[in-house]
Amino acid sequence: MFEFDSGFLAFAFILFVATGLRFFTLNAQMKSMQKTISACREKYPHIGLGQGKKRLLRVWLLVCADDNLRISHCERLAGLTMFARYKPYTALNNLDVEFIADGGQLPAEVDTRTALAAQGACKQILKRFNNEEE
């Protein structure tokens, strides 16, 4: 019969524990994201969620707009790990949603990944706003 080496069993156990920890931390991150999005839905009439296009160091941006389609609040989630959380992002506050969705010039402190995420979120807000009007 095939015999297991104690080193292999230790490696398999560590891998099992690491996978379990990853599952629970990922679950906690998803709950945190849902809580943040729900809180923003209660406060603001229009929200959009955009993501940057890169695979590594992806950026998610939650954009909240008022009734005049001006950005009232932004939260940015950036990071490679499951421990990343949304943090307030003020560089886009008071900008027009249509201006950003059309690819308008953003402030200098906004990097490329965040700009792509903002554009996607603003397009999402405009799409929902136009559907509500019809």
N, C-alpha and C. Protein backbone atom coordinates (compact mmCIF):
# COMPACT_ATOMS: atom_id res chain seq x y z
N MET A 1 0.83 -1.19 0.00
CA MET A 1 0.00 0.00 0.00
C MET A 1 0.87 1.24 0.00
N PHE A 2 0.23 2.33 -0.25
CA PHE A 2 0.90 3.63 -0.28
C PHE A 2 0.93 4.22 1.13
N GLU A 3 2.12 4.63 1.59
CA GLU A 3 2.25 5.21 2.92
C GLU A 3 2.44 6.72 2.81
N PHE A 4 1.77 7.45 3.69
CA PHE A 4 1.89 8.91 3.72
C PHE A 4 3.06 9.31 4.60
N ASP A 5 3.82 10.24 4.12
CA ASP A 5 4.92 10.81 4.88
C ASP A 5 4.34 11.83 5.86
N SER A 6 4.94 11.95 7.04
CA SER A 6 4.42 12.91 8.03
C SER A 6 4.56 14.35 7.53
N GLY A 7 5.56 14.63 6.69
CA GLY A 7 5.72 15.97 6.11
C GLY A 7 4.57 16.29 5.17
N PHE A 8 4.15 15.29 4.41
CA PHE A 8 3.02 15.48 3.51
C PHE A 8 1.74 15.75 4.28
N LEU A 9 1.52 15.01 5.36
CA LEU A 9 0.32 15.21 6.18
C LEU A 9 0.32 16.60 6.82
N ALA A 10 1.48 17.04 7.28
CA ALA A 10 1.57 18.38 7.87
C ALA A 10 1.27 19.45 6.82
N PHE A 11 1.81 19.26 5.63
CA PHE A 11 1.56 20.22 4.54
C PHE A 11 0.07 20.24 4.18
N ALA A 12 -0.54 19.06 4.08
CA ALA A 12 -1.96 18.97 3.74
C ALA A 12 -2.82 19.64 4.82
N PHE A 13 -2.46 19.44 6.09
CA PHE A 13 -3.21 20.06 7.18
C PHE A 13 -3.08 21.58 7.15
N ILE A 14 -1.87 22.08 6.93
CA ILE A 14 -1.66 23.54 6.85
C ILE A 14 -2.44 24.12 5.67
N LEU A 15 -2.43 23.43 4.55
CA LEU A 15 -3.18 23.88 3.38
C LEU A 15 -4.68 23.90 3.67
N PHE A 16 -5.17 22.90 4.37
CA PHE A 16 -6.58 22.84 4.74
C PHE A 16 -6.96 24.00 5.67
N VAL A 17 -6.14 24.27 6.66
CA VAL A 17 -6.41 25.37 7.60
C VAL A 17 -6.35 26.71 6.88
N ALA A 18 -5.37 26.89 6.00
CA ALA A 18 -5.25 28.16 5.26
C ALA A 18 -6.45 28.38 4.36
N THR A 19 -6.94 27.33 3.73
CA THR A 19 -8.13 27.45 2.88
C THR A 19 -9.35 27.82 3.71
N GLY A 20 -9.48 27.22 4.87
CA GLY A 20 -10.60 27.55 5.76
C GLY A 20 -10.54 28.99 6.24
N LEU A 21 -9.35 29.46 6.61
CA LEU A 21 -9.19 30.86 7.03
C LEU A 21 -9.51 31.81 5.89
N ARG A 22 -9.09 31.46 4.69
CA ARG A 22 -9.37 32.31 3.53
C ARG A 22 -10.87 32.40 3.29
N PHE A 23 -11.57 31.29 3.45
CA PHE A 23 -13.02 31.29 3.26
C PHE A 23 -13.69 32.24 4.26
N PHE A 24 -13.30 32.15 5.54
CA PHE A 24 -13.94 32.98 6.55
C PHE A 24 -13.59 34.46 6.40
N THR A 25 -12.35 34.78 6.02
CA THR A 25 -12.00 36.19 5.83
C THR A 25 -12.65 36.75 4.58
N LEU A 26 -12.78 35.94 3.55
CA LEU A 26 -13.47 36.39 2.34
C LEU A 26 -14.95 36.62 2.62
N ASN A 27 -15.53 35.75 3.42
CA ASN A 27 -16.92 35.91 3.82
C ASN A 27 -17.10 37.21 4.62
N ALA A 28 -16.16 37.51 5.51
CA ALA A 28 -16.23 38.75 6.29
C ALA A 28 -16.11 39.96 5.38
N GLN A 29 -15.24 39.88 4.37
CA GLN A 29 -15.10 41.00 3.43
C GLN A 29 -16.39 41.21 2.64
N MET A 30 -17.02 40.15 2.19
CA MET A 30 -18.26 40.27 1.44
C MET A 30 -19.37 40.89 2.31
N LYS A 31 -19.44 40.48 3.57
CA LYS A 31 -20.43 41.08 4.47
C LYS A 31 -20.15 42.56 4.68
N SER A 32 -18.88 42.91 4.80
CA SER A 32 -18.51 44.32 4.97
C SER A 32 -18.89 45.13 3.73
N MET A 33 -18.65 44.57 2.54
CA MET A 33 -19.02 45.24 1.30
C MET A 33 -20.53 45.44 1.22
N GLN A 34 -21.29 44.40 1.54
CA GLN A 34 -22.75 44.50 1.49
C GLN A 34 -23.26 45.53 2.49
N LYS A 35 -22.65 45.58 3.66
CA LYS A 35 -23.05 46.55 4.68
C LYS A 35 -22.78 47.97 4.21
N THR A 36 -21.62 48.20 3.59
CA THR A 36 -21.27 49.53 3.08
C THR A 36 -22.22 49.95 1.97
N ILE A 37 -22.51 49.05 1.04
CA ILE A 37 -23.41 49.36 -0.07
C ILE A 37 -24.82 49.63 0.45
N SER A 38 -25.29 48.85 1.41
CA SER A 38 -26.62 49.06 1.97
C SER A 38 -26.72 50.40 2.67
N ALA A 39 -25.68 50.78 3.42
CA ALA A 39 -25.69 52.08 4.11
C ALA A 39 -25.73 53.22 3.10
N CYS A 40 -25.01 53.08 2.00
CA CYS A 40 -25.02 54.13 0.98
C CYS A 40 -26.36 54.19 0.26
N ARG A 41 -27.01 53.06 0.06
CA ARG A 41 -28.33 53.05 -0.60
C ARG A 41 -29.37 53.77 0.24
N GLU A 42 -29.23 53.69 1.55
CA GLU A 42 -30.18 54.38 2.43
C GLU A 42 -29.97 55.89 2.41
N LYS A 43 -28.72 56.34 2.27
CA LYS A 43 -28.41 57.77 2.34
C LYS A 43 -28.56 58.49 1.01
N TYR A 44 -28.20 57.84 -0.08
CA TYR A 44 -28.10 58.52 -1.38
C TYR A 44 -29.06 57.89 -2.38
N PRO A 45 -29.67 58.71 -3.25
CA PRO A 45 -30.64 58.16 -4.20
C PRO A 45 -30.03 57.36 -5.35
N HIS A 46 -28.79 57.66 -5.71
CA HIS A 46 -28.16 56.98 -6.85
C HIS A 46 -26.78 56.48 -6.44
N ILE A 47 -26.53 55.19 -6.66
CA ILE A 47 -25.20 54.65 -6.41
C ILE A 47 -24.76 53.82 -7.60
N GLY A 48 -23.45 53.74 -7.78
CA GLY A 48 -22.87 52.92 -8.84
C GLY A 48 -21.60 52.29 -8.32
N LEU A 49 -21.30 51.11 -8.81
CA LEU A 49 -20.11 50.38 -8.39
C LEU A 49 -19.29 50.10 -9.63
N GLY A 50 -18.07 50.63 -9.67
CA GLY A 50 -17.20 50.43 -10.83
C GLY A 50 -15.91 49.76 -10.42
N GLN A 51 -15.26 49.13 -11.39
CA GLN A 51 -13.99 48.47 -11.11
C GLN A 51 -12.97 48.84 -12.17
N GLY A 52 -11.71 48.87 -11.75
CA GLY A 52 -10.62 49.10 -12.70
C GLY A 52 -10.42 47.86 -13.55
N LYS A 53 -9.72 47.99 -14.64
CA LYS A 53 -9.61 46.90 -15.61
C LYS A 53 -8.44 45.96 -15.35
N LYS A 54 -7.53 46.32 -14.46
CA LYS A 54 -6.36 45.46 -14.24
C LYS A 54 -6.74 44.27 -13.37
N ARG A 55 -6.02 43.18 -13.56
CA ARG A 55 -6.27 41.99 -12.76
C ARG A 55 -5.59 42.10 -11.40
N LEU A 56 -4.36 42.55 -11.39
CA LEU A 56 -3.61 42.68 -10.15
C LEU A 56 -3.85 44.06 -9.57
N LEU A 57 -3.99 44.15 -8.29
CA LEU A 57 -4.25 45.42 -7.60
C LEU A 57 -5.49 46.12 -8.15
N ARG A 58 -6.55 45.37 -8.26
CA ARG A 58 -7.81 45.89 -8.78
C ARG A 58 -8.40 46.92 -7.83
N VAL A 59 -9.08 47.90 -8.39
CA VAL A 59 -9.74 48.95 -7.62
C VAL A 59 -11.24 48.86 -7.83
N TRP A 60 -11.99 48.93 -6.74
CA TRP A 60 -13.44 49.03 -6.79
C TRP A 60 -13.80 50.40 -6.24
N LEU A 61 -14.73 51.08 -6.88
CA LEU A 61 -15.12 52.41 -6.45
C LEU A 61 -16.64 52.46 -6.33
N LEU A 62 -17.10 52.83 -5.15
CA LEU A 62 -18.52 53.01 -4.89
C LEU A 62 -18.81 54.50 -4.97
N VAL A 63 -19.60 54.90 -5.97
CA VAL A 63 -19.91 56.31 -6.20
C VAL A 63 -21.36 56.56 -5.82
N CYS A 64 -21.58 57.56 -4.97
CA CYS A 64 -22.93 57.94 -4.54
C CYS A 64 -23.22 59.34 -5.06
N ALA A 65 -24.37 59.49 -5.72
CA ALA A 65 -24.74 60.78 -6.30
C ALA A 65 -26.06 61.26 -5.73
N ASP A 66 -26.25 62.58 -5.74
CA ASP A 66 -27.50 63.17 -5.26
C ASP A 66 -28.51 63.25 -6.41
N ASP A 67 -29.62 63.93 -6.17
CA ASP A 67 -30.67 64.03 -7.19
C ASP A 67 -30.26 64.84 -8.41
N ASN A 68 -29.27 65.72 -8.25
CA ASN A 68 -28.77 66.53 -9.37
C ASN A 68 -27.66 65.83 -10.15
N LEU A 69 -27.42 64.55 -9.82
CA LEU A 69 -26.36 63.74 -10.43
C LEU A 69 -24.98 64.36 -10.24
N ARG A 70 -24.74 64.84 -9.05
CA ARG A 70 -23.41 65.28 -8.65
C ARG A 70 -22.93 64.32 -7.57
N ILE A 71 -21.65 63.99 -7.62
CA ILE A 71 -21.11 63.01 -6.69
C ILE A 71 -21.07 63.60 -5.29
N SER A 72 -21.74 62.92 -4.37
CA SER A 72 -21.80 63.36 -2.98
C SER A 72 -20.79 62.62 -2.11
N HIS A 73 -20.53 61.37 -2.48
CA HIS A 73 -19.69 60.53 -1.62
C HIS A 73 -19.07 59.42 -2.47
N CYS A 74 -17.82 59.10 -2.19
CA CYS A 74 -17.14 57.98 -2.86
C CYS A 74 -16.44 57.14 -1.81
N GLU A 75 -16.39 55.85 -2.06
CA GLU A 75 -15.59 54.96 -1.23
C GLU A 75 -14.79 54.07 -2.17
N ARG A 76 -13.52 53.89 -1.83
CA ARG A 76 -12.59 53.16 -2.70
C ARG A 76 -12.09 51.92 -1.98
N LEU A 77 -12.12 50.81 -2.67
CA LEU A 77 -11.58 49.57 -2.15
C LEU A 77 -10.43 49.18 -3.07
N ALA A 78 -9.24 49.13 -2.53
CA ALA A 78 -8.07 48.76 -3.32
C ALA A 78 -7.24 47.78 -2.52
N GLY A 79 -6.70 46.83 -3.20
CA GLY A 79 -5.83 45.90 -2.51
C GLY A 79 -5.85 44.54 -3.15
N LEU A 80 -4.87 43.76 -2.80
CA LEU A 80 -4.70 42.44 -3.37
C LEU A 80 -5.29 41.37 -2.46
N THR A 81 -5.43 41.68 -1.19
CA THR A 81 -5.84 40.65 -0.23
C THR A 81 -7.31 40.76 0.10
N MET A 82 -7.78 39.77 0.82
CA MET A 82 -9.18 39.78 1.25
C MET A 82 -9.39 40.66 2.47
N PHE A 83 -8.33 41.29 2.97
CA PHE A 83 -8.45 42.17 4.13
C PHE A 83 -8.72 43.62 3.71
N ALA A 84 -8.79 43.90 2.43
CA ALA A 84 -9.05 45.25 1.95
C ALA A 84 -10.47 45.66 2.31
N ARG A 85 -10.63 46.90 2.70
CA ARG A 85 -11.94 47.44 3.07
C ARG A 85 -12.17 48.76 2.35
N TYR A 86 -13.44 49.16 2.25
CA TYR A 86 -13.77 50.45 1.65
C TYR A 86 -13.28 51.58 2.55
N LYS A 87 -12.68 52.59 1.90
CA LYS A 87 -12.23 53.79 2.61
C LYS A 87 -12.77 55.00 1.86
N PRO A 88 -13.16 56.07 2.57
CA PRO A 88 -13.67 57.26 1.89
C PRO A 88 -12.64 57.82 0.91
N TYR A 89 -13.14 58.30 -0.22
CA TYR A 89 -12.29 58.84 -1.28
C TYR A 89 -12.91 60.17 -1.72
N THR A 90 -12.25 61.26 -1.41
CA THR A 90 -12.85 62.59 -1.60
C THR A 90 -12.42 63.30 -2.88
N ALA A 91 -11.56 62.72 -3.68
CA ALA A 91 -11.05 63.41 -4.87
C ALA A 91 -12.13 63.67 -5.91
N LEU A 92 -13.20 62.91 -5.90
CA LEU A 92 -14.24 63.05 -6.92
C LEU A 92 -15.49 63.78 -6.43
N ASN A 93 -15.51 64.18 -5.18
CA ASN A 93 -16.70 64.83 -4.63
C ASN A 93 -17.03 66.11 -5.39
N ASN A 94 -18.32 66.34 -5.57
CA ASN A 94 -18.89 67.51 -6.24
C ASN A 94 -18.65 67.56 -7.74
N LEU A 95 -18.18 66.49 -8.34
CA LEU A 95 -18.05 66.44 -9.80
C LEU A 95 -19.35 65.90 -10.40
N ASP A 96 -19.59 66.23 -11.64
CA ASP A 96 -20.80 65.83 -12.34
C ASP A 96 -20.65 64.39 -12.86
N VAL A 97 -21.67 63.58 -12.66
CA VAL A 97 -21.64 62.17 -13.08
C VAL A 97 -21.52 62.06 -14.60
N GLU A 98 -22.27 62.88 -15.34
CA GLU A 98 -22.22 62.82 -16.81
C GLU A 98 -20.84 63.20 -17.33
N PHE A 99 -20.20 64.16 -16.69
CA PHE A 99 -18.86 64.60 -17.08
C PHE A 99 -17.86 63.44 -16.96
N ILE A 100 -17.93 62.71 -15.87
CA ILE A 100 -17.01 61.59 -15.66
C ILE A 100 -17.34 60.44 -16.60
N ALA A 101 -18.63 60.15 -16.78
CA ALA A 101 -19.03 59.04 -17.66
C ALA A 101 -18.60 59.28 -19.10
N ASP A 102 -18.55 60.54 -19.52
CA ASP A 102 -18.11 60.87 -20.88
C ASP A 102 -16.59 60.92 -21.02
N GLY A 103 -15.87 60.63 -19.96
CA GLY A 103 -14.41 60.61 -20.02
C GLY A 103 -13.77 61.97 -19.80
N GLY A 104 -14.42 62.82 -19.03
CA GLY A 104 -13.89 64.16 -18.75
C GLY A 104 -12.61 64.12 -17.93
N GLN A 105 -11.89 65.22 -17.93
CA GLN A 105 -10.61 65.33 -17.22
C GLN A 105 -10.85 65.31 -15.71
N LEU A 106 -10.22 64.37 -15.03
CA LEU A 106 -10.36 64.23 -13.58
C LEU A 106 -9.20 64.94 -12.88
N PRO A 107 -9.33 65.21 -11.59
CA PRO A 107 -8.23 65.84 -10.85
C PRO A 107 -6.94 65.03 -10.94
N ALA A 108 -5.82 65.70 -10.74
CA ALA A 108 -4.51 65.08 -10.92
C ALA A 108 -4.25 63.93 -9.94
N GLU A 109 -4.85 63.96 -8.76
CA GLU A 109 -4.56 62.91 -7.77
C GLU A 109 -5.29 61.60 -8.05
N VAL A 110 -6.14 61.56 -9.07
CA VAL A 110 -6.87 60.33 -9.42
C VAL A 110 -6.00 59.51 -10.37
N ASP A 111 -5.64 58.30 -9.95
CA ASP A 111 -4.81 57.45 -10.81
C ASP A 111 -5.66 56.77 -11.89
N THR A 112 -5.01 56.09 -12.81
CA THR A 112 -5.69 55.50 -13.97
C THR A 112 -6.70 54.44 -13.56
N ARG A 113 -6.32 53.57 -12.62
CA ARG A 113 -7.24 52.51 -12.19
C ARG A 113 -8.50 53.08 -11.56
N THR A 114 -8.33 54.11 -10.73
CA THR A 114 -9.48 54.73 -10.08
C THR A 114 -10.33 55.48 -11.10
N ALA A 115 -9.69 56.10 -12.09
CA ALA A 115 -10.43 56.82 -13.13
C ALA A 115 -11.31 55.86 -13.93
N LEU A 116 -10.79 54.68 -14.26
CA LEU A 116 -11.59 53.69 -14.99
C LEU A 116 -12.76 53.19 -14.13
N ALA A 117 -12.49 52.98 -12.85
CA ALA A 117 -13.56 52.54 -11.95
C ALA A 117 -14.62 53.62 -11.81
N ALA A 118 -14.20 54.88 -11.72
CA ALA A 118 -15.15 56.00 -11.60
C ALA A 118 -16.00 56.12 -12.85
N GLN A 119 -15.38 55.96 -14.00
CA GLN A 119 -16.11 56.05 -15.26
C GLN A 119 -17.17 54.94 -15.35
N GLY A 120 -16.79 53.73 -14.96
CA GLY A 120 -17.75 52.62 -14.98
C GLY A 120 -18.89 52.83 -14.01
N ALA A 121 -18.59 53.33 -12.81
CA ALA A 121 -19.64 53.57 -11.82
C ALA A 121 -20.59 54.67 -12.28
N CYS A 122 -20.04 55.72 -12.88
CA CYS A 122 -20.88 56.83 -13.35
C CYS A 122 -21.76 56.41 -14.52
N LYS A 123 -21.23 55.56 -15.40
CA LYS A 123 -22.05 55.03 -16.49
C LYS A 123 -23.21 54.20 -15.94
N GLN A 124 -22.93 53.46 -14.89
CA GLN A 124 -23.96 52.64 -14.25
C GLN A 124 -25.05 53.54 -13.64
N ILE A 125 -24.64 54.62 -12.99
CA ILE A 125 -25.61 55.56 -12.40
C ILE A 125 -26.48 56.17 -13.49
N LEU A 126 -25.85 56.62 -14.58
CA LEU A 126 -26.61 57.23 -15.68
C LEU A 126 -27.59 56.25 -16.31
N LYS A 127 -27.16 55.01 -16.48
CA LYS A 127 -28.03 54.00 -17.07
C LYS A 127 -29.27 53.77 -16.20
N ARG A 128 -29.06 53.66 -14.90
CA ARG A 128 -30.19 53.47 -13.98
C ARG A 128 -31.07 54.71 -13.94
N PHE A 129 -30.46 55.89 -13.96
CA PHE A 129 -31.22 57.14 -13.92
C PHE A 129 -32.09 57.27 -15.17
N ASN A 130 -31.54 56.95 -16.32
CA ASN A 130 -32.30 57.03 -17.57
C ASN A 130 -33.43 56.00 -17.62
N ASN A 131 -33.19 54.82 -17.04
CA ASN A 131 -34.25 53.80 -16.99
C ASN A 131 -35.38 54.21 -16.05
N GLU A 132 -35.04 54.92 -14.96
CA GLU A 132 -36.06 55.39 -14.03
C GLU A 132 -36.94 56.46 -14.66
N GLU A 133 -36.35 57.29 -15.51
CA GLU A 133 -37.11 58.36 -16.14
C GLU A 133 -38.11 57.83 -17.17
N GLU A 134 -37.80 56.71 -17.79
CA GLU A 134 -38.68 56.17 -18.85
C GLU A 134 -39.88 55.47 -18.30
